[in-house]
Amino acid sequence: MNTIFLKAYAKINLRLDITGVREDGYHSVDMVNQSVGLHDLVSVSQSEEPGIQVTFSEPWIPKETNSAIMACQAFQEFAADLPAPGVKVNIRKSIPSRAGYGGGSADAAAVLVGLSALRVGTGQSAPAGADLMKAAAAVGSDVPFCMLGGLRRCTGKGEIVGENLGELSPAPVILLAKPKVGMSTPAAYAEIDKHYDSLRRPEGEYGNVFEELPIVPWIVHSLKEIMLRHGASVAQMSGSGTGCFAFFDSAEAAERCRKGLRVPFTEVTSCVKCGVEVSAAI
């Protein structure tokens, strides 16, 4: 066995609040995340060439700062040696960037799971689960959740992942939609700092404090309004945006709404119970 194929699932934030600023400069969060069926395809292979090679389906993705490369480096630092003599990672993107769906974090989580499985396949021991989670947290705050997936509450910087909360009932049909415009996560957090005291906090099971920011593009609010007019029970932005999601009680209703949206990315999907799935090993 020298290649592991994985599905790296996107996430949505059902509830997202910023509860303060930590001593290390990061923001404290309180959020409830749900994994969804939209996914990138990731392969992790043993390579005859030493070192780390990463290729992407999208040529514009920056290789120097990409989370997949960071995941390989964190695996080596916190979990175990990379399978010798080297590794090759390929990522086929389907999750849009700057959407709040956790695409980069999902890819990093899949790389970590793939590297662990690859070590076993090449006769080496797998790293301990705790070490793998340390590596995940070192890459990014959302990576530990994206590794475990399901429906979970996350606190701290986002890296403290709670027990699985079960399943949403009734299980919704989920419509994802992202406009062409994105929103920078650092810029969104900078705006949080400017307006923190005046922001309306999320109440109940759903809500996203980032929606309150004045820099949120108007089309995000327009998408939510259209979704609600088409009968969505929930419609909101995910993460720091600008991707939105809506819950419908049938695939037909979700499809009718999707056809009425004038944005470059839409997808009808559902909840999934894991963050990373090994789909094949050869």
C-alpha atoms as a PDB file:
ATOM      1  CA  MET A   1       0.000   0.000   0.000  1.00  0.00           C
ATOM      2  CA  ASN A   2       1.589   3.291  -1.034  1.00  0.00           C
ATOM      3  CA  THR A   3      -1.325   5.649  -1.816  1.00  0.00           C
ATOM      4  CA  ILE A   4      -4.232   6.702   0.402  1.00  0.00           C
ATOM      5  CA  PHE A   5      -7.278   8.426  -1.140  1.00  0.00           C
ATOM      6  CA  LEU A   6      -9.426  10.557   1.156  1.00  0.00           C
ATOM      7  CA  LYS A   7     -12.500  12.771   1.149  1.00  0.00           C
ATOM      8  CA  ALA A   8     -11.976  16.030   3.063  1.00  0.00           C
ATOM      9  CA  TYR A   9     -15.419  17.288   4.109  1.00  0.00           C
ATOM     10  CA  ALA A  10     -16.439  20.934   4.402  1.00  0.00           C
ATOM     11  CA  LYS A  11     -18.073  22.354   7.511  1.00  0.00           C
ATOM     12  CA  ILE A  12     -20.704  24.950   8.327  1.00  0.00           C
ATOM     13  CA  ASN A  13     -20.999  26.968  11.525  1.00  0.00           C
ATOM     14  CA  LEU A  14     -24.465  26.610  12.990  1.00  0.00           C
ATOM     15  CA  ARG A  15     -23.546  29.016  15.762  1.00  0.00           C
ATOM     16  CA  LEU A  16     -20.474  31.237  15.997  1.00  0.00           C
ATOM     17  CA  ASP A  17     -19.706  33.782  18.684  1.00  0.00           C
ATOM     18  CA  ILE A  18     -16.520  35.618  19.616  1.00  0.00           C
ATOM     19  CA  THR A  19     -16.241  35.688  23.397  1.00  0.00           C
ATOM     20  CA  GLY A  20     -13.043  37.719  23.871  1.00  0.00           C
ATOM     21  CA  VAL A  21      -9.385  38.166  23.027  1.00  0.00           C
ATOM     22  CA  ARG A  22      -6.819  35.821  24.560  1.00  0.00           C
ATOM     23  CA  GLU A  23      -3.432  36.768  26.005  1.00  0.00           C
ATOM     24  CA  ASP A  24      -1.745  35.243  22.950  1.00  0.00           C
ATOM     25  CA  GLY A  25      -3.643  37.643  20.685  1.00  0.00           C
ATOM     26  CA  TYR A  26      -6.033  35.065  19.278  1.00  0.00           C
ATOM     27  CA  HIS A  27      -9.794  35.384  19.698  1.00  0.00           C
ATOM     28  CA  SER A  28     -11.794  33.058  21.943  1.00  0.00           C
ATOM     29  CA  VAL A  29     -14.693  31.460  20.115  1.00  0.00           C
ATOM     30  CA  ASP A  30     -17.783  29.490  21.003  1.00  0.00           C
ATOM     31  CA  MET A  31     -19.176  27.678  17.988  1.00  0.00           C
ATOM     32  CA  VAL A  32     -21.172  24.654  16.927  1.00  0.00           C
ATOM     33  CA  ASN A  33     -19.961  23.071  13.688  1.00  0.00           C
ATOM     34  CA  GLN A  34     -21.526  20.528  11.360  1.00  0.00           C
ATOM     35  CA  SER A  35     -19.714  18.547   8.660  1.00  0.00           C
ATOM     36  CA  VAL A  36     -21.414  18.460   5.242  1.00  0.00           C
ATOM     37  CA  GLY A  37     -21.088  16.323   2.133  1.00  0.00           C
ATOM     38  CA  LEU A  38     -19.229  18.860  -0.024  1.00  0.00           C
ATOM     39  CA  HIS A  39     -15.622  17.650  -0.127  1.00  0.00           C
ATOM     40  CA  ASP A  40     -12.177  17.946  -1.666  1.00  0.00           C
ATOM     41  CA  LEU A  41     -10.380  14.812  -2.864  1.00  0.00           C
ATOM     42  CA  VAL A  42      -6.948  14.278  -1.339  1.00  0.00           C
ATOM     43  CA  SER A  43      -4.353  11.621  -2.108  1.00  0.00           C
ATOM     44  CA  VAL A  44      -1.255  10.966  -0.004  1.00  0.00           C
ATOM     45  CA  SER A  45       1.432   8.768  -1.547  1.00  0.00           C
ATOM     46  CA  GLN A  46       4.828   7.418  -0.706  1.00  0.00           C
ATOM     47  CA  SER A  47       7.334   9.022  -3.051  1.00  0.00           C
ATOM     48  CA  GLU A  48      10.721   7.883  -4.271  1.00  0.00           C
ATOM     49  CA  GLU A  49      11.883  11.499  -4.042  1.00  0.00           C
ATOM     50  CA  PRO A  50      12.841  12.763  -0.573  1.00  0.00           C
ATOM     51  CA  GLY A  51      10.839  15.551   1.034  1.00  0.00           C
ATOM     52  CA  ILE A  52       7.308  16.878   0.517  1.00  0.00           C
ATOM     53  CA  GLN A  53       5.671  17.406  -2.872  1.00  0.00           C
ATOM     54  CA  VAL A  54       2.212  18.986  -3.042  1.00  0.00           C
ATOM     55  CA  THR A  55       0.181  19.526  -6.201  1.00  0.00           C
ATOM     56  CA  PHE A  56      -3.245  21.124  -6.618  1.00  0.00           C
ATOM     57  CA  SER A  57      -6.061  21.055  -9.152  1.00  0.00           C
ATOM     58  CA  GLU A  58      -6.145  24.860  -8.966  1.00  0.00           C
ATOM     59  CA  PRO A  59      -2.872  26.485 -10.101  1.00  0.00           C
ATOM     60  CA  TRP A  60      -3.522  29.732  -8.217  1.00  0.00           C
ATOM     61  CA  ILE A  61      -3.312  28.117  -4.762  1.00  0.00           C
ATOM     62  CA  PRO A  62      -0.167  29.440  -2.994  1.00  0.00           C
ATOM     63  CA  LYS A  63       2.116  26.527  -2.210  1.00  0.00           C
ATOM     64  CA  GLU A  64       4.296  28.397   0.289  1.00  0.00           C
ATOM     65  CA  THR A  65       1.532  28.975   2.841  1.00  0.00           C
ATOM     66  CA  ASN A  66      -0.855  26.157   1.988  1.00  0.00           C
ATOM     67  CA  SER A  67      -2.262  24.233   4.937  1.00  0.00           C
ATOM     68  CA  ALA A  68      -1.483  20.866   3.302  1.00  0.00           C
ATOM     69  CA  ILE A  69       2.234  21.630   3.377  1.00  0.00           C
ATOM     70  CA  MET A  70       1.892  22.913   6.935  1.00  0.00           C
ATOM     71  CA  ALA A  71       0.162  19.643   7.842  1.00  0.00           C
ATOM     72  CA  CYS A  72       3.101  17.591   6.556  1.00  0.00           C
ATOM     73  CA  GLN A  73       5.502  19.727   8.561  1.00  0.00           C
ATOM     74  CA  ALA A  74       3.353  19.518  11.716  1.00  0.00           C
ATOM     75  CA  PHE A  75       3.023  15.739  11.337  1.00  0.00           C
ATOM     76  CA  GLN A  76       6.809  15.501  11.305  1.00  0.00           C
ATOM     77  CA  GLU A  77       7.155  17.791  14.325  1.00  0.00           C
ATOM     78  CA  PHE A  78       4.357  16.574  16.589  1.00  0.00           C
ATOM     79  CA  ALA A  79       3.296  13.097  15.489  1.00  0.00           C
ATOM     80  CA  ALA A  80       5.847  10.905  13.686  1.00  0.00           C
ATOM     81  CA  ASP A  81       8.445  10.807  10.950  1.00  0.00           C
ATOM     82  CA  LEU A  82       7.119  11.063   7.417  1.00  0.00           C
ATOM     83  CA  PRO A  83       7.071   7.758   5.523  1.00  0.00           C
ATOM     84  CA  ALA A  84      10.505   7.344   3.947  1.00  0.00           C
ATOM     85  CA  PRO A  85      11.922   8.484   1.629  1.00  0.00           C
ATOM     86  CA  GLY A  86       9.250  11.157   0.962  1.00  0.00           C
ATOM     87  CA  VAL A  87       5.584  11.910   0.373  1.00  0.00           C
ATOM     88  CA  LYS A  88       3.490  13.329  -2.436  1.00  0.00           C
ATOM     89  CA  VAL A  89       0.124  15.021  -1.823  1.00  0.00           C
ATOM     90  CA  ASN A  90      -2.434  15.879  -4.488  1.00  0.00           C
ATOM     91  CA  ILE A  91      -5.569  17.928  -3.795  1.00  0.00           C
ATOM     92  CA  ARG A  92      -8.563  18.244  -6.113  1.00  0.00           C
ATOM     93  CA  LYS A  93     -10.556  21.236  -4.941  1.00  0.00           C
ATOM     94  CA  SER A  94     -14.347  21.412  -4.814  1.00  0.00           C
ATOM     95  CA  ILE A  95     -14.749  23.488  -1.633  1.00  0.00           C
ATOM     96  CA  PRO A  96     -14.592  27.185  -2.589  1.00  0.00           C
ATOM     97  CA  SER A  97     -12.019  29.419  -0.922  1.00  0.00           C
ATOM     98  CA  ARG A  98     -12.795  32.359   1.379  1.00  0.00           C
ATOM     99  CA  ALA A  99     -16.251  30.919   1.951  1.00  0.00           C
ATOM    100  CA  GLY A 100     -16.263  29.956   5.635  1.00  0.00           C
ATOM    101  CA  TYR A 101     -16.587  26.266   4.706  1.00  0.00           C
ATOM    102  CA  GLY A 102     -13.159  25.285   6.070  1.00  0.00           C
ATOM    103  CA  GLY A 103     -11.671  24.016   2.818  1.00  0.00           C
ATOM    104  CA  GLY A 104      -8.025  24.574   3.735  1.00  0.00           C
ATOM    105  CA  SER A 105      -8.538  23.101   7.195  1.00  0.00           C
ATOM    106  CA  ALA A 106     -10.319  20.072   5.731  1.00  0.00           C
ATOM    107  CA  ASP A 107      -7.408  19.445   3.351  1.00  0.00           C
ATOM    108  CA  ALA A 108      -4.906  19.674   6.210  1.00  0.00           C
ATOM    109  CA  ALA A 109      -6.945  17.240   8.302  1.00  0.00           C
ATOM    110  CA  ALA A 110      -7.077  14.780   5.405  1.00  0.00           C
ATOM    111  CA  VAL A 111      -3.316  15.016   4.892  1.00  0.00           C
ATOM    112  CA  LEU A 112      -2.712  14.188   8.560  1.00  0.00           C
ATOM    113  CA  VAL A 113      -5.080  11.212   8.464  1.00  0.00           C
ATOM    114  CA  GLY A 114      -3.530  10.076   5.173  1.00  0.00           C
ATOM    115  CA  LEU A 115       0.016  10.274   6.502  1.00  0.00           C
ATOM    116  CA  SER A 116      -0.957   8.227   9.551  1.00  0.00           C
ATOM    117  CA  ALA A 117      -2.598   5.564   7.381  1.00  0.00           C
ATOM    118  CA  LEU A 118       0.333   5.571   4.977  1.00  0.00           C
ATOM    119  CA  ARG A 119       2.783   4.823   7.785  1.00  0.00           C
ATOM    120  CA  VAL A 120       0.739   1.770   8.736  1.00  0.00           C
ATOM    121  CA  GLY A 121       0.624   0.663   5.115  1.00  0.00           C
ATOM    122  CA  THR A 122       4.403   0.865   4.833  1.00  0.00           C
ATOM    123  CA  GLY A 123       4.927  -1.159   7.977  1.00  0.00           C
ATOM    124  CA  GLN A 124       5.583   1.717  10.357  1.00  0.00           C
ATOM    125  CA  SER A 125       3.598   2.456  13.496  1.00  0.00           C
ATOM    126  CA  ALA A 126       0.850   5.067  13.409  1.00  0.00           C
ATOM    127  CA  PRO A 127       1.183   8.101  15.702  1.00  0.00           C
ATOM    128  CA  ALA A 128      -0.929   8.267  18.835  1.00  0.00           C
ATOM    129  CA  GLY A 129      -4.279  10.016  18.459  1.00  0.00           C
ATOM    130  CA  ALA A 130      -3.291  12.733  20.906  1.00  0.00           C
ATOM    131  CA  ASP A 131      -0.133  13.477  18.899  1.00  0.00           C
ATOM    132  CA  LEU A 132      -2.149  13.702  15.698  1.00  0.00           C
ATOM    133  CA  MET A 133      -4.507  16.199  17.350  1.00  0.00           C
ATOM    134  CA  LYS A 134      -1.518  18.277  18.494  1.00  0.00           C
ATOM    135  CA  ALA A 135      -0.325  18.374  14.910  1.00  0.00           C
ATOM    136  CA  ALA A 136      -3.801  19.402  13.765  1.00  0.00           C
ATOM    137  CA  ALA A 137      -3.993  22.260  16.273  1.00  0.00           C
ATOM    138  CA  ALA A 138      -0.533  23.451  15.220  1.00  0.00           C
ATOM    139  CA  VAL A 139      -1.724  23.857  11.614  1.00  0.00           C
ATOM    140  CA  GLY A 140      -4.913  25.810  12.341  1.00  0.00           C
ATOM    141  CA  SER A 141      -7.745  26.264  14.804  1.00  0.00           C
ATOM    142  CA  ASP A 142     -10.370  24.517  12.622  1.00  0.00           C
ATOM    143  CA  VAL A 143      -8.201  21.529  11.705  1.00  0.00           C
ATOM    144  CA  PRO A 144      -8.945  19.423  14.834  1.00  0.00           C
ATOM    145  CA  PHE A 145     -12.687  19.692  14.173  1.00  0.00           C
ATOM    146  CA  CYS A 146     -12.217  18.949  10.488  1.00  0.00           C
ATOM    147  CA  MET A 147     -10.319  15.798  11.437  1.00  0.00           C
ATOM    148  CA  LEU A 148     -13.088  14.510  13.718  1.00  0.00           C
ATOM    149  CA  GLY A 149     -16.161  16.030  12.047  1.00  0.00           C
ATOM    150  CA  GLY A 150     -19.809  15.407  12.815  1.00  0.00           C
ATOM    151  CA  LEU A 151     -21.766  17.831  14.978  1.00  0.00           C
ATOM    152  CA  ARG A 152     -19.632  19.316  17.748  1.00  0.00           C
ATOM    153  CA  ARG A 153     -19.157  22.370  19.924  1.00  0.00           C
ATOM    154  CA  CYS A 154     -15.712  23.973  19.666  1.00  0.00           C
ATOM    155  CA  THR A 155     -14.159  26.468  22.067  1.00  0.00           C
ATOM    156  CA  GLY A 156     -10.763  28.008  22.844  1.00  0.00           C
ATOM    157  CA  LYS A 157      -9.379  29.285  19.528  1.00  0.00           C
ATOM    158  CA  GLY A 158     -11.593  26.632  17.948  1.00  0.00           C
ATOM    159  CA  GLU A 159      -9.122  23.839  18.587  1.00  0.00           C
ATOM    160  CA  ILE A 160     -10.908  22.493  21.707  1.00  0.00           C
ATOM    161  CA  VAL A 161     -13.371  20.040  20.181  1.00  0.00           C
ATOM    162  CA  GLY A 162     -16.199  18.664  22.290  1.00  0.00           C
ATOM    163  CA  GLU A 163     -17.993  15.342  22.151  1.00  0.00           C
ATOM    164  CA  ASN A 164     -20.169  14.513  19.185  1.00  0.00           C
ATOM    165  CA  LEU A 165     -23.620  16.005  19.737  1.00  0.00           C
ATOM    166  CA  GLY A 166     -25.396  13.381  17.650  1.00  0.00           C
ATOM    167  CA  GLU A 167     -27.422  14.341  14.591  1.00  0.00           C
ATOM    168  CA  LEU A 168     -29.687  17.185  13.571  1.00  0.00           C
ATOM    169  CA  SER A 169     -33.302  16.071  13.664  1.00  0.00           C
ATOM    170  CA  PRO A 170     -35.036  16.116  11.312  1.00  0.00           C
ATOM    171  CA  ALA A 171     -32.033  15.811   8.998  1.00  0.00           C
ATOM    172  CA  PRO A 172     -32.099  18.881   6.733  1.00  0.00           C
ATOM    173  CA  VAL A 173     -31.366  19.134   3.046  1.00  0.00           C
ATOM    174  CA  ILE A 174     -28.615  21.764   2.912  1.00  0.00           C
ATOM    175  CA  LEU A 175     -28.112  24.349   0.192  1.00  0.00           C
ATOM    176  CA  LEU A 176     -24.658  25.960   0.044  1.00  0.00           C
ATOM    177  CA  ALA A 177     -24.114  29.166  -1.925  1.00  0.00           C
ATOM    178  CA  LYS A 178     -21.121  31.472  -2.260  1.00  0.00           C
ATOM    179  CA  PRO A 179     -20.960  34.712  -4.233  1.00  0.00           C
ATOM    180  CA  LYS A 180     -17.933  35.635  -6.307  1.00  0.00           C
ATOM    181  CA  VAL A 181     -16.711  38.040  -3.650  1.00  0.00           C
ATOM    182  CA  GLY A 182     -14.935  36.550  -0.631  1.00  0.00           C
ATOM    183  CA  MET A 183     -13.941  37.954   2.733  1.00  0.00           C
ATOM    184  CA  SER A 184     -10.489  37.861   4.315  1.00  0.00           C
ATOM    185  CA  THR A 185     -10.478  36.138   7.699  1.00  0.00           C
ATOM    186  CA  PRO A 186      -7.834  38.512   9.173  1.00  0.00           C
ATOM    187  CA  ALA A 187      -9.853  41.509   7.954  1.00  0.00           C
ATOM    188  CA  ALA A 188     -13.037  40.069   9.470  1.00  0.00           C
ATOM    189  CA  TYR A 189     -11.377  39.596  12.874  1.00  0.00           C
ATOM    190  CA  ALA A 190      -9.939  43.114  12.696  1.00  0.00           C
ATOM    191  CA  GLU A 191     -13.491  44.383  12.197  1.00  0.00           C
ATOM    192  CA  ILE A 192     -14.656  42.291  15.149  1.00  0.00           C
ATOM    193  CA  ASP A 193     -12.149  44.180  17.311  1.00  0.00           C
ATOM    194  CA  LYS A 194     -13.416  47.529  16.057  1.00  0.00           C
ATOM    195  CA  HIS A 195     -17.099  46.807  16.663  1.00  0.00           C
ATOM    196  CA  TYR A 196     -17.010  44.177  19.417  1.00  0.00           C
ATOM    197  CA  ASP A 197     -19.004  46.107  22.042  1.00  0.00           C
ATOM    198  CA  SER A 198     -21.806  47.004  19.638  1.00  0.00           C
ATOM    199  CA  LEU A 199     -22.292  43.620  17.975  1.00  0.00           C
ATOM    200  CA  ARG A 200     -25.492  41.664  18.510  1.00  0.00           C
ATOM    201  CA  ARG A 201     -24.609  38.283  20.012  1.00  0.00           C
ATOM    202  CA  PRO A 202     -26.071  35.042  18.618  1.00  0.00           C
ATOM    203  CA  GLU A 203     -28.984  33.697  20.605  1.00  0.00           C
ATOM    204  CA  GLY A 204     -30.379  30.185  20.497  1.00  0.00           C
ATOM    205  CA  GLU A 205     -29.118  27.349  18.329  1.00  0.00           C
ATOM    206  CA  TYR A 206     -28.200  29.411  15.269  1.00  0.00           C
ATOM    207  CA  GLY A 207     -26.432  32.691  14.578  1.00  0.00           C
ATOM    208  CA  ASN A 208     -23.136  34.135  13.381  1.00  0.00           C
ATOM    209  CA  VAL A 209     -21.629  37.241  14.932  1.00  0.00           C
ATOM    210  CA  PHE A 210     -19.649  37.933  11.743  1.00  0.00           C
ATOM    211  CA  GLU A 211     -22.913  38.695   9.919  1.00  0.00           C
ATOM    212  CA  GLU A 212     -23.183  41.855  12.007  1.00  0.00           C
ATOM    213  CA  LEU A 213     -20.016  43.401  10.577  1.00  0.00           C
ATOM    214  CA  PRO A 214     -20.412  46.393   8.240  1.00  0.00           C
ATOM    215  CA  ILE A 215     -17.870  44.938   5.793  1.00  0.00           C
ATOM    216  CA  VAL A 216     -20.084  41.931   4.997  1.00  0.00           C
ATOM    217  CA  PRO A 217     -21.002  42.287   1.295  1.00  0.00           C
ATOM    218  CA  TRP A 218     -24.651  43.147   0.590  1.00  0.00           C
ATOM    219  CA  ILE A 219     -25.048  40.010  -1.514  1.00  0.00           C
ATOM    220  CA  VAL A 220     -24.700  37.827   1.594  1.00  0.00           C
ATOM    221  CA  HIS A 221     -27.820  39.400   3.089  1.00  0.00           C
ATOM    222  CA  SER A 222     -29.542  39.149  -0.303  1.00  0.00           C
ATOM    223  CA  LEU A 223     -28.766  35.422  -0.525  1.00  0.00           C
ATOM    224  CA  LYS A 224     -30.210  34.846   2.934  1.00  0.00           C
ATOM    225  CA  GLU A 225     -33.395  36.706   2.037  1.00  0.00           C
ATOM    226  CA  ILE A 226     -33.870  34.665  -1.139  1.00  0.00           C
ATOM    227  CA  MET A 227     -33.302  31.427   0.766  1.00  0.00           C
ATOM    228  CA  LEU A 228     -35.879  32.353   3.387  1.00  0.00           C
ATOM    229  CA  ARG A 229     -38.399  33.383   0.709  1.00  0.00           C
ATOM    230  CA  HIS A 230     -37.999  29.909  -0.794  1.00  0.00           C
ATOM    231  CA  GLY A 231     -38.969  28.311   2.500  1.00  0.00           C
ATOM    232  CA  ALA A 232     -35.644  27.738   4.253  1.00  0.00           C
ATOM    233  CA  SER A 233     -36.010  27.119   7.988  1.00  0.00           C
ATOM    234  CA  VAL A 234     -32.479  28.471   8.591  1.00  0.00           C
ATOM    235  CA  ALA A 235     -30.357  30.732   6.391  1.00  0.00           C
ATOM    236  CA  GLN A 236     -27.059  32.261   7.486  1.00  0.00           C
ATOM    237  CA  MET A 237     -23.428  32.911   6.675  1.00  0.00           C
ATOM    238  CA  SER A 238     -20.806  30.334   7.637  1.00  0.00           C
ATOM    239  CA  GLY A 239     -17.593  31.269   9.422  1.00  0.00           C
ATOM    240  CA  SER A 240     -16.151  34.628   8.429  1.00  0.00           C
ATOM    241  CA  GLY A 241     -17.913  34.230   5.066  1.00  0.00           C
ATOM    242  CA  THR A 242     -18.951  34.820   2.477  1.00  0.00           C
ATOM    243  CA  GLY A 243     -20.464  31.385   1.891  1.00  0.00           C
ATOM    244  CA  CYS A 244     -24.011  30.875   3.134  1.00  0.00           C
ATOM    245  CA  PHE A 245     -26.092  27.816   3.930  1.00  0.00           C
ATOM    246  CA  ALA A 246     -29.806  27.125   4.216  1.00  0.00           C
ATOM    247  CA  PHE A 247     -31.856  24.223   5.584  1.00  0.00           C
ATOM    248  CA  PHE A 248     -34.794  22.847   3.593  1.00  0.00           C
ATOM    249  CA  ASP A 249     -37.176  19.992   4.275  1.00  0.00           C
ATOM    250  CA  SER A 250     -36.830  18.485   0.792  1.00  0.00           C
ATOM    251  CA  ALA A 251     -34.340  18.253  -2.055  1.00  0.00           C
ATOM    252  CA  GLU A 252     -36.981  19.660  -4.409  1.00  0.00           C
ATOM    253  CA  ALA A 253     -37.338  22.835  -2.353  1.00  0.00           C
ATOM    254  CA  ALA A 254     -33.559  23.233  -2.138  1.00  0.00           C
ATOM    255  CA  GLU A 255     -33.213  22.785  -5.924  1.00  0.00           C
ATOM    256  CA  ARG A 256     -35.901  25.382  -6.622  1.00  0.00           C
ATOM    257  CA  CYS A 257     -34.032  27.857  -4.472  1.00  0.00           C
ATOM    258  CA  ARG A 258     -30.674  26.968  -5.999  1.00  0.00           C
ATOM    259  CA  LYS A 259     -31.986  27.724  -9.498  1.00  0.00           C
ATOM    260  CA  GLY A 260     -33.038  31.175  -8.338  1.00  0.00           C
ATOM    261  CA  LEU A 261     -29.585  32.141  -7.052  1.00  0.00           C
ATOM    262  CA  ARG A 262     -27.277  34.098  -9.333  1.00  0.00           C
ATOM    263  CA  VAL A 263     -23.938  33.154  -7.793  1.00  0.00           C
ATOM    264  CA  PRO A 264     -21.002  31.127  -9.189  1.00  0.00           C
ATOM    265  CA  PHE A 265     -21.110  28.356  -6.572  1.00  0.00           C
ATOM    266  CA  THR A 266     -24.132  26.414  -5.323  1.00  0.00           C
ATOM    267  CA  GLU A 267     -24.452  22.870  -4.050  1.00  0.00           C
ATOM    268  CA  VAL A 268     -27.245  20.801  -2.512  1.00  0.00           C
ATOM    269  CA  THR A 269     -25.843  18.456   0.111  1.00  0.00           C
ATOM    270  CA  SER A 270     -26.489  16.927   3.524  1.00  0.00           C
ATOM    271  CA  CYS A 271     -24.897  16.393   6.935  1.00  0.00           C
ATOM    272  CA  VAL A 272     -22.136  13.819   7.309  1.00  0.00           C
ATOM    273  CA  LYS A 273     -20.866  12.163  10.472  1.00  0.00           C
ATOM    274  CA  CYS A 274     -17.115  12.479   9.928  1.00  0.00           C
ATOM    275  CA  GLY A 275     -14.598  15.095   8.875  1.00  0.00           C
ATOM    276  CA  VAL A 276     -12.271  12.874   6.847  1.00  0.00           C
ATOM    277  CA  GLU A 277     -13.091   9.610   5.117  1.00  0.00           C
ATOM    278  CA  VAL A 278     -10.556   7.189   3.684  1.00  0.00           C
ATOM    279  CA  SER A 279     -12.165   6.216   0.369  1.00  0.00           C
ATOM    280  CA  ALA A 280      -9.483   3.852  -0.981  1.00  0.00           C
ATOM    281  CA  ALA A 281      -5.961   2.582  -0.417  1.00  0.00           C
ATOM    282  CA  ILE A 282      -3.777   0.994  -3.069  1.00  0.00           C
END
